[in-house]
N, C-alpha and C. Protein backbone atom coordinates (compact mmCIF):
# COMPACT_ATOMS: atom_id res chain seq x y z
N MET A 1 2.85 5.14 25.67
CA MET A 1 3.82 4.60 27.11
C MET A 1 4.34 3.56 26.36
N LEU A 2 3.96 2.74 25.90
CA LEU A 2 3.97 1.34 25.76
C LEU A 2 5.06 1.30 24.09
N ASN A 3 4.70 1.98 23.31
CA ASN A 3 5.34 2.79 21.98
C ASN A 3 6.56 3.30 22.19
N GLU A 4 6.57 3.94 23.18
CA GLU A 4 7.92 4.85 23.43
C GLU A 4 8.91 4.03 23.94
N MET A 5 8.33 2.63 24.52
CA MET A 5 9.59 1.97 25.48
C MET A 5 9.94 1.56 24.18
N ARG A 6 9.35 1.08 23.20
CA ARG A 6 9.72 0.02 22.06
C ARG A 6 10.67 0.95 21.56
N ARG A 7 10.14 2.36 21.57
CA ARG A 7 10.96 3.08 20.22
C ARG A 7 12.28 3.08 20.69
N ARG A 8 12.29 3.57 22.36
CA ARG A 8 14.11 3.55 22.93
C ARG A 8 14.75 2.22 23.01
N ARG A 9 13.83 1.16 23.24
CA ARG A 9 14.47 -0.16 23.31
C ARG A 9 14.97 -0.56 21.91
N ALA A 10 14.48 -0.11 20.61
CA ALA A 10 15.21 -0.34 19.01
C ALA A 10 15.64 0.86 18.66
N THR A 11 16.05 2.04 19.26
CA THR A 11 17.06 2.72 19.32
C THR A 11 18.22 2.48 19.62
N ARG A 12 18.23 1.88 21.37
CA ARG A 12 19.30 1.09 21.58
C ARG A 12 19.89 -0.08 20.80
N ARG A 13 19.26 -0.32 19.87
CA ARG A 13 19.99 -1.82 18.89
C ARG A 13 20.91 -1.21 17.90
N VAL A 14 20.82 -0.23 17.62
CA VAL A 14 21.32 0.56 16.69
C VAL A 14 22.72 0.44 16.62
N LYS A 15 23.70 -0.11 15.68
CA LYS A 15 25.20 -0.08 15.93
C LYS A 15 25.58 0.60 14.85
N PRO A 16 26.72 1.05 15.06
CA PRO A 16 27.73 1.92 13.70
C PRO A 16 28.10 0.81 13.06
N GLY A 17 27.77 1.78 11.78
CA GLY A 17 28.36 1.00 10.27
C GLY A 17 29.76 0.73 10.34
N ASP A 18 30.23 0.50 9.11
CA ASP A 18 31.54 -0.23 9.01
C ASP A 18 32.17 0.76 7.84
N ASP A 19 31.25 1.70 7.34
CA ASP A 19 31.62 2.37 6.08
C ASP A 19 31.71 1.85 5.07
N ARG A 20 31.27 0.35 4.85
CA ARG A 20 31.30 -0.27 3.59
C ARG A 20 30.48 0.42 2.39
N PRO A 21 30.74 0.41 1.07
CA PRO A 21 29.83 1.09 0.37
C PRO A 21 28.66 0.28 0.13
N LEU A 22 27.75 0.86 -0.49
CA LEU A 22 26.09 0.53 -0.94
C LEU A 22 26.28 -0.57 -2.18
N LYS A 23 26.11 -1.48 -2.16
CA LYS A 23 26.17 -2.50 -3.31
C LYS A 23 25.13 -1.98 -4.21
N ARG A 24 25.12 -1.85 -5.59
CA ARG A 24 23.81 -1.58 -6.66
C ARG A 24 23.09 -2.69 -6.50
N PHE A 25 21.54 -2.47 -6.90
CA PHE A 25 20.43 -3.47 -6.72
C PHE A 25 20.69 -3.87 -7.74
N ARG A 26 20.71 -5.38 -7.81
CA ARG A 26 20.44 -6.14 -9.08
C ARG A 26 19.08 -6.73 -9.05
N TRP A 27 18.52 -6.63 -10.63
CA TRP A 27 17.30 -7.13 -10.98
C TRP A 27 16.71 -8.99 -10.46
N TRP A 28 18.14 -9.70 -9.91
CA TRP A 28 17.82 -10.90 -9.57
C TRP A 28 17.73 -11.08 -7.80
N GLN A 29 17.63 -9.93 -7.23
CA GLN A 29 17.68 -9.59 -5.92
C GLN A 29 16.15 -9.21 -5.22
N MET A 30 15.44 -9.26 -6.39
CA MET A 30 13.98 -8.73 -6.11
C MET A 30 12.94 -9.52 -5.38
N THR A 31 13.56 -10.89 -5.12
CA THR A 31 12.80 -11.63 -4.32
C THR A 31 13.30 -11.51 -2.72
N PHE A 32 14.44 -11.38 -2.64
CA PHE A 32 15.00 -11.23 -1.17
C PHE A 32 15.73 -10.02 -0.88
N ARG A 33 15.51 -8.73 -1.31
CA ARG A 33 16.33 -8.01 -0.97
C ARG A 33 15.53 -6.20 -0.79
N ALA A 34 15.52 -5.31 -0.29
CA ALA A 34 14.29 -4.25 -0.49
C ALA A 34 15.51 -3.28 -0.31
N LEU A 35 15.52 -1.97 -0.90
CA LEU A 35 16.35 -0.88 -1.10
C LEU A 35 15.55 0.27 -1.54
N PHE A 36 15.61 1.14 -0.20
CA PHE A 36 14.91 2.25 0.09
C PHE A 36 15.49 3.35 -0.14
N TYR A 37 15.21 4.99 -0.36
CA TYR A 37 16.08 5.99 -0.27
C TYR A 37 15.87 7.15 0.28
N LEU A 38 15.93 8.07 1.10
CA LEU A 38 15.54 9.24 1.47
C LEU A 38 16.75 10.30 1.50
N ARG A 39 15.92 11.39 0.85
CA ARG A 39 17.07 12.86 0.82
C ARG A 39 16.62 13.65 2.02
N LEU A 40 17.84 13.99 2.84
CA LEU A 40 17.29 15.19 3.92
C LEU A 40 18.46 15.88 3.51
N THR A 41 18.26 17.24 4.37
CA THR A 41 19.29 18.25 4.54
C THR A 41 19.40 18.31 5.92
N GLY A 42 20.59 18.33 6.18
CA GLY A 42 21.41 18.53 7.56
C GLY A 42 21.17 19.86 8.38
N ASP A 43 21.75 20.24 9.62
CA ASP A 43 21.58 21.38 10.38
C ASP A 43 22.51 22.22 9.78
N ASP A 44 23.56 21.77 9.17
CA ASP A 44 24.74 22.47 8.21
C ASP A 44 24.34 22.96 6.98
N GLY A 45 23.12 22.66 6.58
CA GLY A 45 22.39 23.08 5.29
C GLY A 45 23.05 21.77 3.82
N ARG A 46 23.79 20.78 4.28
CA ARG A 46 24.12 19.98 3.33
C ARG A 46 23.13 18.90 2.83
N ARG A 47 22.83 18.53 1.59
CA ARG A 47 22.18 17.38 1.42
C ARG A 47 22.86 15.77 1.64
N MET A 48 21.94 15.07 1.97
CA MET A 48 22.33 14.07 2.13
C MET A 48 21.17 12.85 1.80
N VAL A 49 21.89 11.86 1.39
CA VAL A 49 20.76 10.54 0.86
C VAL A 49 20.95 9.48 1.57
N TYR A 50 20.19 9.15 1.97
CA TYR A 50 20.25 8.20 2.76
C TYR A 50 19.65 7.02 2.47
N ALA A 51 19.98 5.77 2.46
CA ALA A 51 19.62 4.62 2.03
C ALA A 51 18.94 3.54 2.95
N VAL A 52 17.81 2.62 3.00
CA VAL A 52 18.21 1.80 3.76
C VAL A 52 17.70 0.33 3.13
N ASP A 53 18.69 -0.98 3.44
CA ASP A 53 19.33 -1.94 2.60
C ASP A 53 18.75 -2.76 3.91
N VAL A 54 17.89 -4.07 3.04
CA VAL A 54 17.11 -5.01 4.02
C VAL A 54 17.62 -6.43 3.22
N ARG A 55 17.87 -7.45 3.81
CA ARG A 55 18.23 -8.56 3.12
C ARG A 55 17.04 -9.50 4.10
N HIS A 56 16.10 -10.08 3.04
CA HIS A 56 14.70 -10.97 3.94
C HIS A 56 14.94 -12.01 4.53
N ALA A 57 16.02 -12.28 3.83
CA ALA A 57 16.73 -13.87 4.40
C ALA A 57 17.92 -13.89 5.59
N GLY A 58 17.90 -12.57 5.82
CA GLY A 58 18.83 -12.34 7.02
C GLY A 58 20.45 -12.60 6.96
N ASP A 59 20.96 -12.92 8.40
CA ASP A 59 22.15 -13.12 7.99
C ASP A 59 22.76 -14.37 7.78
N LYS A 60 23.67 -14.59 6.80
CA LYS A 60 24.13 -15.87 6.48
C LYS A 60 24.52 -17.08 7.60
N SER A 61 25.12 -16.26 8.60
CA SER A 61 25.84 -17.41 10.10
C SER A 61 24.55 -17.47 11.18
N THR A 62 23.69 -15.93 11.44
CA THR A 62 22.90 -16.16 12.23
C THR A 62 21.48 -16.14 12.12
N GLY A 63 21.04 -15.74 10.84
CA GLY A 63 19.67 -15.92 10.30
C GLY A 63 18.88 -14.48 10.91
N VAL A 64 19.78 -13.86 11.53
CA VAL A 64 18.63 -12.41 12.25
C VAL A 64 18.60 -11.14 11.03
N VAL A 65 17.53 -10.81 10.75
CA VAL A 65 17.24 -9.72 9.58
C VAL A 65 17.51 -8.36 10.37
N GLU A 66 18.24 -7.51 9.71
CA GLU A 66 18.68 -6.39 9.77
C GLU A 66 18.58 -5.28 8.72
N ALA A 67 18.30 -4.23 9.47
CA ALA A 67 18.41 -2.86 8.43
C ALA A 67 19.77 -2.27 8.23
N HIS A 68 19.92 -1.78 7.08
CA HIS A 68 21.56 -1.47 7.08
C HIS A 68 20.99 0.01 6.51
N LEU A 69 21.77 1.01 7.26
CA LEU A 69 21.50 2.34 6.66
C LEU A 69 22.87 3.10 6.27
N TYR A 70 22.59 3.58 5.17
CA TYR A 70 23.63 4.07 4.42
C TYR A 70 23.26 5.66 4.31
N ARG A 71 24.47 6.54 4.54
CA ARG A 71 24.76 7.79 4.42
C ARG A 71 25.60 8.21 3.12
N ASP A 72 24.89 8.69 2.14
CA ASP A 72 26.03 9.04 1.01
C ASP A 72 26.91 7.60 0.18
N GLY A 73 26.13 6.89 0.44
CA GLY A 73 26.77 5.42 -0.31
C GLY A 73 27.67 4.94 0.71
N ARG A 74 27.57 5.10 1.94
CA ARG A 74 28.63 4.42 2.92
C ARG A 74 27.79 4.34 4.23
N GLN A 75 28.20 2.80 4.48
CA GLN A 75 27.15 2.45 5.62
C GLN A 75 27.34 3.16 6.82
N HIS A 76 26.27 3.55 7.20
CA HIS A 76 26.10 4.38 8.47
C HIS A 76 25.95 3.71 9.86
N ALA A 77 25.12 2.91 9.50
CA ALA A 77 24.59 2.01 10.98
C ALA A 77 23.74 1.05 10.67
N ARG A 78 23.11 0.01 11.83
CA ARG A 78 22.78 -1.02 11.12
C ARG A 78 21.77 -1.59 12.49
N SER A 79 20.80 -2.32 12.60
CA SER A 79 19.92 -2.86 13.58
C SER A 79 19.27 -3.78 13.16
N ARG A 80 18.84 -4.57 14.11
CA ARG A 80 18.04 -5.63 13.45
C ARG A 80 16.56 -5.24 13.58
N LEU A 81 15.68 -6.01 12.93
CA LEU A 81 14.61 -5.37 12.95
C LEU A 81 13.54 -5.54 14.06
N PRO A 82 12.65 -4.67 14.38
CA PRO A 82 12.42 -3.39 13.95
C PRO A 82 13.55 -2.29 14.45
N ALA A 83 13.40 -1.60 13.34
CA ALA A 83 14.92 -0.71 13.47
C ALA A 83 14.16 0.80 13.51
N PHE A 84 14.88 1.55 14.33
CA PHE A 84 14.48 2.93 14.31
C PHE A 84 16.07 4.01 14.20
N PHE A 85 16.29 4.26 13.20
CA PHE A 85 17.61 5.21 13.05
C PHE A 85 17.44 6.55 12.84
N PRO A 86 18.24 7.10 14.26
CA PRO A 86 18.28 8.60 14.39
C PRO A 86 18.60 9.31 13.33
N VAL A 87 17.72 10.12 12.31
CA VAL A 87 18.56 11.11 10.95
C VAL A 87 17.76 12.48 11.28
N PRO A 88 18.59 13.42 10.66
CA PRO A 88 18.31 15.11 10.64
C PRO A 88 16.99 14.93 11.33
N GLY A 89 16.14 15.44 11.74
CA GLY A 89 14.87 16.30 11.75
C GLY A 89 13.84 14.45 11.99
N GLY A 90 14.27 13.79 12.50
CA GLY A 90 13.76 12.54 12.89
C GLY A 90 14.08 11.32 13.13
N THR A 91 13.32 10.01 12.47
CA THR A 91 13.76 8.95 12.91
C THR A 91 13.53 8.21 11.46
N VAL A 92 14.33 7.02 11.11
CA VAL A 92 13.77 6.06 10.18
C VAL A 92 13.50 5.32 10.55
N GLN A 93 11.87 4.68 10.32
CA GLN A 93 11.39 3.37 11.30
C GLN A 93 11.39 2.14 10.36
N VAL A 94 11.81 1.37 10.40
CA VAL A 94 11.69 0.05 9.50
C VAL A 94 10.90 -1.24 10.06
N ARG A 95 10.32 -1.89 9.68
CA ARG A 95 9.47 -3.20 10.23
C ARG A 95 9.40 -4.10 9.20
N GLY A 96 9.39 -5.30 9.35
CA GLY A 96 9.57 -6.38 8.58
C GLY A 96 7.85 -7.10 8.74
N SER A 97 8.00 -8.43 8.05
CA SER A 97 6.64 -8.77 8.56
C SER A 97 7.21 -10.55 7.50
N ALA A 98 6.45 -11.68 7.48
CA ALA A 98 6.70 -12.45 6.65
C ALA A 98 6.76 -12.51 5.13
N PHE A 99 6.86 -11.61 4.64
CA PHE A 99 6.32 -11.42 3.40
C PHE A 99 7.53 -10.43 2.46
N GLY A 100 7.99 -9.52 3.63
CA GLY A 100 9.05 -8.30 3.44
C GLY A 100 8.85 -6.95 4.13
N LEU A 101 8.64 -6.09 3.72
CA LEU A 101 8.40 -4.97 4.76
C LEU A 101 7.08 -4.44 5.18
N LYS A 102 6.92 -3.93 6.47
CA LYS A 102 5.49 -3.87 6.00
C LYS A 102 5.79 -2.19 6.68
N ARG A 103 7.01 -1.78 6.68
CA ARG A 103 6.94 -0.36 7.18
C ARG A 103 8.64 0.25 6.85
N CYS A 104 8.54 1.37 5.96
CA CYS A 104 9.77 1.73 5.87
C CYS A 104 9.69 3.46 5.62
N HIS A 105 9.48 4.10 6.65
CA HIS A 105 9.49 5.47 6.63
C HIS A 105 9.99 6.44 7.70
N TYR A 106 9.90 7.30 6.75
CA TYR A 106 10.82 8.70 7.81
C TYR A 106 9.83 9.43 8.52
N VAL A 107 9.71 9.23 9.70
CA VAL A 107 8.84 9.89 10.88
C VAL A 107 9.84 11.11 11.67
N THR A 108 9.15 12.29 11.18
CA THR A 108 9.76 13.73 11.91
C THR A 108 9.61 13.85 13.05
N THR A 109 10.06 14.94 13.66
CA THR A 109 9.96 15.30 15.15
C THR A 109 8.55 15.59 15.56
N ASN A 110 7.71 16.14 14.53
CA ASN A 110 6.55 16.55 14.91
C ASN A 110 5.50 15.27 14.39
N GLY A 111 5.90 14.53 14.15
CA GLY A 111 5.07 13.44 14.19
C GLY A 111 4.70 13.09 12.61
N THR A 112 4.94 13.87 11.48
CA THR A 112 4.67 13.76 9.98
C THR A 112 5.32 12.56 9.54
N GLU A 113 4.74 11.62 8.53
CA GLU A 113 5.50 10.39 8.39
C GLU A 113 5.84 10.41 6.65
N HIS A 114 6.50 9.81 6.54
CA HIS A 114 6.86 9.99 4.43
C HIS A 114 7.42 8.29 4.20
N GLN A 115 6.68 7.77 3.23
CA GLN A 115 7.14 6.63 2.85
C GLN A 115 8.53 6.78 2.01
N LEU A 116 9.31 5.97 2.25
CA LEU A 116 11.11 6.53 1.42
C LEU A 116 10.26 5.78 0.15
N THR A 117 11.38 5.96 -0.90
CA THR A 117 11.20 6.04 -1.93
C THR A 117 12.20 4.77 -2.46
N PRO A 118 11.46 3.34 -3.04
CA PRO A 118 12.02 2.08 -3.19
C PRO A 118 12.92 2.67 -4.65
N ASP A 119 13.95 1.74 -4.68
CA ASP A 119 15.09 1.94 -5.93
C ASP A 119 14.37 1.19 -7.08
N ARG A 120 14.23 1.45 -8.07
CA ARG A 120 13.39 1.63 -9.38
C ARG A 120 13.72 -0.03 -9.51
N ASP A 121 14.69 -0.44 -9.82
CA ASP A 121 14.75 -1.94 -10.25
C ASP A 121 14.22 -3.07 -8.74
N SER A 122 14.02 -2.54 -7.88
CA SER A 122 13.63 -3.26 -6.80
C SER A 122 12.33 -3.78 -6.71
N ALA A 123 11.62 -4.61 -6.39
CA ALA A 123 10.24 -5.31 -6.42
C ALA A 123 9.01 -3.89 -6.23
N GLU A 124 9.54 -3.35 -5.12
CA GLU A 124 8.81 -1.91 -4.50
C GLU A 124 8.71 -0.65 -5.20
N GLY A 125 9.78 -1.14 -5.96
CA GLY A 125 9.94 -0.29 -7.00
C GLY A 125 9.44 -0.26 -8.21
N ARG A 126 9.29 -1.08 -8.66
CA ARG A 126 8.61 -1.99 -10.10
C ARG A 126 7.23 -1.66 -9.87
N ARG A 127 6.59 -2.23 -8.24
CA ARG A 127 5.04 -2.55 -8.15
C ARG A 127 4.76 -0.38 -8.23
N GLU A 128 5.84 0.05 -7.65
CA GLU A 128 5.06 1.47 -7.32
C GLU A 128 5.33 2.55 -8.53
N HIS A 129 5.90 1.92 -9.65
CA HIS A 129 6.10 2.77 -10.92
C HIS A 129 4.66 1.84 -11.87
N LEU A 130 4.11 0.85 -11.87
CA LEU A 130 3.10 0.37 -12.36
C LEU A 130 1.79 1.17 -11.83
N ASP A 131 1.88 1.49 -10.23
CA ASP A 131 0.97 2.09 -9.69
C ASP A 131 0.77 3.77 -10.36
N ARG A 132 2.04 4.20 -10.56
CA ARG A 132 2.30 5.67 -11.23
C ARG A 132 1.49 5.39 -12.97
N ALA A 133 2.16 4.33 -13.46
CA ALA A 133 1.84 4.33 -14.92
C ALA A 133 0.49 4.11 -15.42
N HIS A 134 -0.21 2.97 -14.45
CA HIS A 134 -1.27 2.26 -14.94
C HIS A 134 -2.36 2.31 -13.20
N PRO A 135 -2.64 3.46 -12.73
CA PRO A 135 -3.44 3.48 -11.52
C PRO A 135 -4.60 2.60 -11.45
N ALA A 136 -5.19 2.84 -12.47
CA ALA A 136 -6.54 1.73 -12.67
C ALA A 136 -6.32 0.03 -12.30
N LEU A 137 -5.39 0.18 -12.78
CA LEU A 137 -4.98 -1.77 -13.23
C LEU A 137 -4.08 -1.59 -11.52
N SER A 138 -3.52 -0.60 -11.61
CA SER A 138 -2.63 -0.85 -9.93
C SER A 138 -4.24 -1.25 -8.64
N ARG A 139 -5.04 -0.03 -8.66
CA ARG A 139 -5.76 -0.30 -7.89
C ARG A 139 -6.55 -1.70 -7.91
N ALA A 140 -7.15 -2.60 -9.16
CA ALA A 140 -7.85 -3.84 -9.27
C ALA A 140 -6.60 -4.80 -8.99
N ILE A 141 -5.62 -4.53 -9.27
CA ILE A 141 -4.45 -5.68 -8.46
C ILE A 141 -4.59 -5.35 -6.73
N GLY A 142 -4.66 -4.55 -6.24
CA GLY A 142 -4.64 -4.27 -5.10
C GLY A 142 -5.99 -4.78 -4.02
N VAL A 143 -6.95 -4.21 -5.05
CA VAL A 143 -8.47 -4.79 -4.33
C VAL A 143 -8.49 -6.37 -4.53
N PHE A 144 -8.17 -6.80 -5.40
CA PHE A 144 -8.13 -8.43 -5.70
C PHE A 144 -7.02 -9.04 -4.80
N SER A 145 -6.05 -8.29 -4.38
CA SER A 145 -5.06 -8.86 -3.04
C SER A 145 -5.77 -9.38 -2.07
N SER A 146 -6.80 -8.03 -1.75
CA SER A 146 -7.36 -8.22 -0.23
C SER A 146 -8.59 -9.19 -0.32
N VAL A 147 -9.16 -9.06 -1.70
CA VAL A 147 -10.26 -10.30 -1.49
C VAL A 147 -9.46 -11.59 -1.52
N VAL A 148 -8.49 -11.94 -2.17
CA VAL A 148 -7.98 -13.55 -2.13
C VAL A 148 -7.78 -13.19 -0.41
N LEU A 149 -7.16 -12.59 0.11
CA LEU A 149 -6.60 -12.67 1.68
C LEU A 149 -8.00 -12.99 2.54
N LEU A 150 -9.01 -12.12 2.32
CA LEU A 150 -10.41 -12.49 2.84
C LEU A 150 -10.73 -13.77 2.90
N ILE A 151 -10.95 -14.57 1.33
CA ILE A 151 -11.31 -15.92 1.11
C ILE A 151 -10.28 -16.99 1.92
N SER A 152 -8.83 -16.72 1.83
CA SER A 152 -7.73 -17.50 2.05
C SER A 152 -8.23 -17.68 3.82
N LEU A 153 -8.69 -16.29 4.70
CA LEU A 153 -8.80 -16.30 5.88
C LEU A 153 -10.10 -17.38 6.20
N ALA A 154 -10.94 -17.04 5.28
CA ALA A 154 -12.34 -17.74 5.82
C ALA A 154 -12.36 -19.19 5.64
N VAL A 155 -11.81 -19.75 4.43
CA VAL A 155 -11.32 -21.18 4.03
C VAL A 155 -10.80 -21.58 5.37
N LEU A 156 -9.92 -20.73 6.25
CA LEU A 156 -8.63 -21.33 7.49
C LEU A 156 -9.38 -21.52 8.66
N PHE A 157 -10.40 -20.48 8.87
CA PHE A 157 -11.42 -20.35 10.02
C PHE A 157 -12.30 -21.36 9.77
N CYS A 158 -12.76 -21.73 8.88
CA CYS A 158 -13.72 -22.75 8.67
C CYS A 158 -12.97 -24.12 8.98
N GLN A 159 -11.83 -24.52 8.70
CA GLN A 159 -11.30 -25.64 8.81
C GLN A 159 -10.79 -25.83 10.11
N LEU A 160 -10.41 -24.53 10.97
CA LEU A 160 -9.96 -24.73 12.01
C LEU A 160 -10.92 -24.77 13.36
N ILE A 161 -12.12 -24.23 12.95
CA ILE A 161 -13.05 -24.23 13.80
C ILE A 161 -13.81 -25.75 13.90
N GLU A 162 -13.86 -26.41 12.69
CA GLU A 162 -14.61 -27.42 12.87
C GLU A 162 -13.87 -28.66 14.13
N PRO A 163 -12.74 -29.11 13.88
CA PRO A 163 -12.34 -29.54 14.86
C PRO A 163 -12.45 -29.18 16.12
N ILE A 164 -12.12 -28.12 16.44
CA ILE A 164 -11.83 -27.38 17.45
C ILE A 164 -13.56 -27.31 18.56
N SER A 165 -14.33 -27.05 17.51
CA SER A 165 -15.95 -27.46 18.13
C SER A 165 -16.23 -28.82 18.78
N ARG A 166 -15.58 -29.83 18.32
CA ARG A 166 -15.71 -31.20 18.16
C ARG A 166 -14.78 -31.66 19.85
N VAL A 167 -14.46 -30.61 20.59
CA VAL A 167 -13.81 -31.48 21.42
C VAL A 167 -14.94 -31.10 22.57
N GLU A 168 -14.99 -32.11 23.19
CA GLU A 168 -16.18 -32.69 24.36
C GLU A 168 -16.64 -31.22 25.02
N PRO A 169 -15.88 -30.81 25.72
CA PRO A 169 -16.39 -29.93 26.67
C PRO A 169 -17.04 -28.28 25.62
N ILE A 170 -16.31 -28.19 24.79
CA ILE A 170 -17.11 -27.18 23.81
C ILE A 170 -18.15 -27.61 23.04
N ALA A 171 -18.33 -28.99 22.44
CA ALA A 171 -19.32 -29.39 22.05
C ALA A 171 -20.66 -29.38 22.79
N ARG A 172 -20.27 -29.80 24.03
CA ARG A 172 -21.44 -30.02 25.05
C ARG A 172 -22.11 -28.60 25.19
N SER A 173 -21.29 -27.40 25.38
CA SER A 173 -21.39 -26.21 25.67
C SER A 173 -22.29 -25.31 24.73
N ILE A 174 -21.57 -25.50 23.37
CA ILE A 174 -22.17 -24.50 22.32
C ILE A 174 -22.41 -25.22 20.88
N GLY A 175 -22.24 -26.55 21.09
CA GLY A 175 -22.59 -27.52 19.99
C GLY A 175 -21.75 -27.19 19.21
N THR A 176 -21.72 -28.28 17.85
CA THR A 176 -20.59 -28.59 16.65
C THR A 176 -20.84 -27.80 15.66
N PHE A 177 -19.88 -27.65 15.24
CA PHE A 177 -19.60 -26.65 13.74
C PHE A 177 -19.19 -27.82 12.65
N THR A 178 -20.11 -27.63 11.41
CA THR A 178 -19.53 -28.80 10.30
C THR A 178 -19.79 -27.48 9.40
N SER A 179 -17.91 -27.51 8.66
CA SER A 179 -17.40 -26.50 7.98
C SER A 179 -18.33 -26.79 6.13
N PRO A 180 -18.46 -25.64 6.01
CA PRO A 180 -19.40 -25.59 4.50
C PRO A 180 -18.51 -25.59 3.36
N VAL A 181 -17.11 -25.63 4.02
CA VAL A 181 -16.12 -25.56 2.91
C VAL A 181 -15.04 -26.86 3.11
N ARG A 182 -15.06 -27.79 2.24
CA ARG A 182 -14.04 -28.87 2.20
C ARG A 182 -13.43 -29.14 0.59
N LEU A 183 -11.99 -28.85 0.83
CA LEU A 183 -11.40 -28.80 -0.24
C LEU A 183 -10.18 -30.00 0.07
N PRO A 184 -9.77 -30.31 -1.36
CA PRO A 184 -8.81 -31.84 -1.46
C PRO A 184 -7.63 -30.97 -1.06
N GLY A 185 -6.53 -31.70 -0.79
CA GLY A 185 -5.29 -31.20 -0.57
C GLY A 185 -4.67 -30.41 -1.86
N TRP A 186 -4.99 -30.36 -3.12
CA TRP A 186 -4.58 -29.63 -3.87
C TRP A 186 -5.19 -28.37 -3.96
N GLY A 187 -6.46 -28.55 -3.24
CA GLY A 187 -7.33 -26.91 -3.69
C GLY A 187 -6.77 -26.45 -2.11
N ASN A 188 -6.34 -27.34 -1.22
CA ASN A 188 -5.99 -26.13 0.36
C ASN A 188 -4.66 -25.73 -0.18
N PHE A 189 -3.60 -26.09 -0.97
CA PHE A 189 -2.56 -25.87 -1.29
C PHE A 189 -2.73 -24.57 -1.99
N THR A 190 -3.75 -24.70 -3.26
CA THR A 190 -3.97 -23.46 -4.01
C THR A 190 -4.64 -22.23 -3.39
N VAL A 191 -5.30 -22.47 -2.48
CA VAL A 191 -5.79 -21.25 -1.50
C VAL A 191 -4.60 -20.59 -0.59
N GLY A 192 -3.65 -21.43 0.00
CA GLY A 192 -2.60 -21.25 0.68
C GLY A 192 -1.50 -20.52 -0.07
N LEU A 193 -1.31 -21.00 -1.55
CA LEU A 193 -0.37 -20.00 -2.34
C LEU A 193 -1.11 -18.87 -2.69
N ALA A 194 -1.91 -18.65 -2.96
CA ALA A 194 -2.68 -17.30 -3.75
C ALA A 194 -2.83 -16.65 -2.29
N GLY A 195 -2.98 -17.08 -0.94
CA GLY A 195 -2.90 -16.24 -0.05
C GLY A 195 -1.56 -15.56 0.21
N THR A 196 -0.25 -16.50 -0.03
CA THR A 196 0.96 -16.02 0.13
C THR A 196 1.22 -15.15 -1.02
N LEU A 197 1.16 -15.41 -2.27
CA LEU A 197 1.25 -14.33 -3.14
C LEU A 197 0.42 -12.81 -3.02
N ALA A 198 -0.74 -13.12 -2.48
CA ALA A 198 -1.63 -11.55 -2.30
C ALA A 198 -0.93 -11.08 -1.32
N SER A 199 -0.25 -11.86 -0.32
CA SER A 199 0.62 -10.91 1.08
C SER A 199 1.73 -10.26 -0.12
N MET A 200 2.37 -11.10 -0.44
CA MET A 200 3.73 -10.65 -0.99
C MET A 200 3.35 -9.39 -1.87
N GLU A 201 2.28 -9.17 -2.78
CA GLU A 201 2.15 -8.13 -3.49
C GLU A 201 1.40 -7.13 -2.72
N ARG A 202 1.11 -6.94 -1.56
CA ARG A 202 0.54 -6.20 -0.63
C ARG A 202 2.02 -5.79 0.15
N ALA A 203 3.17 -6.69 0.63
CA ALA A 203 4.12 -6.25 0.74
C ALA A 203 4.96 -5.56 -0.04
N MET A 204 4.58 -5.39 -1.58
CA MET A 204 5.60 -4.55 -2.25
C MET A 204 5.13 -3.24 -2.26
N ARG A 205 3.83 -2.77 -1.50
CA ARG A 205 3.38 -1.87 -1.30
C ARG A 205 3.54 -1.06 0.07
N LEU A 206 4.35 -2.00 1.08
CA LEU A 206 3.91 -1.61 2.16
C LEU A 206 2.83 -1.35 2.81
N ARG A 207 1.80 -2.30 2.39
CA ARG A 207 0.52 -2.55 2.98
C ARG A 207 0.45 -3.77 3.97
N TYR A 208 0.15 -3.41 5.22
CA TYR A 208 0.06 -4.63 5.83
C TYR A 208 -1.28 -4.09 7.47
N HIS A 209 -1.97 -5.33 7.18
CA HIS A 209 -2.84 -5.57 8.28
C HIS A 209 -2.73 -6.87 9.38
N TRP A 210 -2.67 -6.54 10.52
CA TRP A 210 -2.66 -7.74 11.66
C TRP A 210 -3.39 -8.83 11.10
N LEU A 211 -4.87 -8.75 10.70
CA LEU A 211 -5.85 -9.58 10.58
C LEU A 211 -5.32 -10.47 8.88
N LEU A 212 -5.42 -9.67 7.77
CA LEU A 212 -5.25 -10.13 6.74
C LEU A 212 -3.87 -10.68 6.40
N ASP A 213 -2.60 -9.78 6.67
CA ASP A 213 -1.30 -10.19 6.28
C ASP A 213 -0.91 -11.18 7.70
N GLY A 214 -0.86 -10.73 8.84
CA GLY A 214 -0.70 -11.93 9.85
C GLY A 214 -1.32 -13.06 9.77
N GLY A 215 -2.50 -13.07 9.44
CA GLY A 215 -3.36 -14.54 9.47
C GLY A 215 -2.93 -15.25 8.18
N ALA A 216 -2.35 -14.62 7.18
CA ALA A 216 -1.79 -15.37 6.21
C ALA A 216 -0.64 -15.65 6.34
N GLY A 217 0.40 -15.45 7.14
CA GLY A 217 1.61 -15.89 7.22
C GLY A 217 1.75 -16.49 8.66
């Protein structure tokens, strides 16, 4: 019920596009732009190409992050994230995170989900190409990213729980906790940077976990 209410609210946020043409993806946009494609057949049998274009930094004046839906190269609709775009046979659902996108899927009316295809020149497209060309290396990178995030969260937890445990009412009831991990400033910076890079790598694959990636963000 709650998810259905959120979906309806997101659908009401969709605004018509202004028919502007879709701009080509440039290599230097990899860090702040995501571009995905979906090919569908309409009720009349006509083949259409949809594209979802997201600028992670948001609008230059408002800072609001929007998803722009293009149909056959022309802007068809736009919505701030999370976005639910009605398309033939279902909806295109787009959700963002602190590190990119955590969802860009086509969900059919019967509930089947398909991730959209990233532009070959985008960061997501290059990561997908690595996965196809070198699957073993890709899996190793994915596992390494998860391990880095787990370590980052463990260090963060230890450093947060120690001062909290020293609050007098808490210390009196359950005792104090001494963190086994003590890092200098540069060590904390390195752990934080590694966690950020790991979450960025996972965002390239549209992988998201509320604890791993949410905690890092």
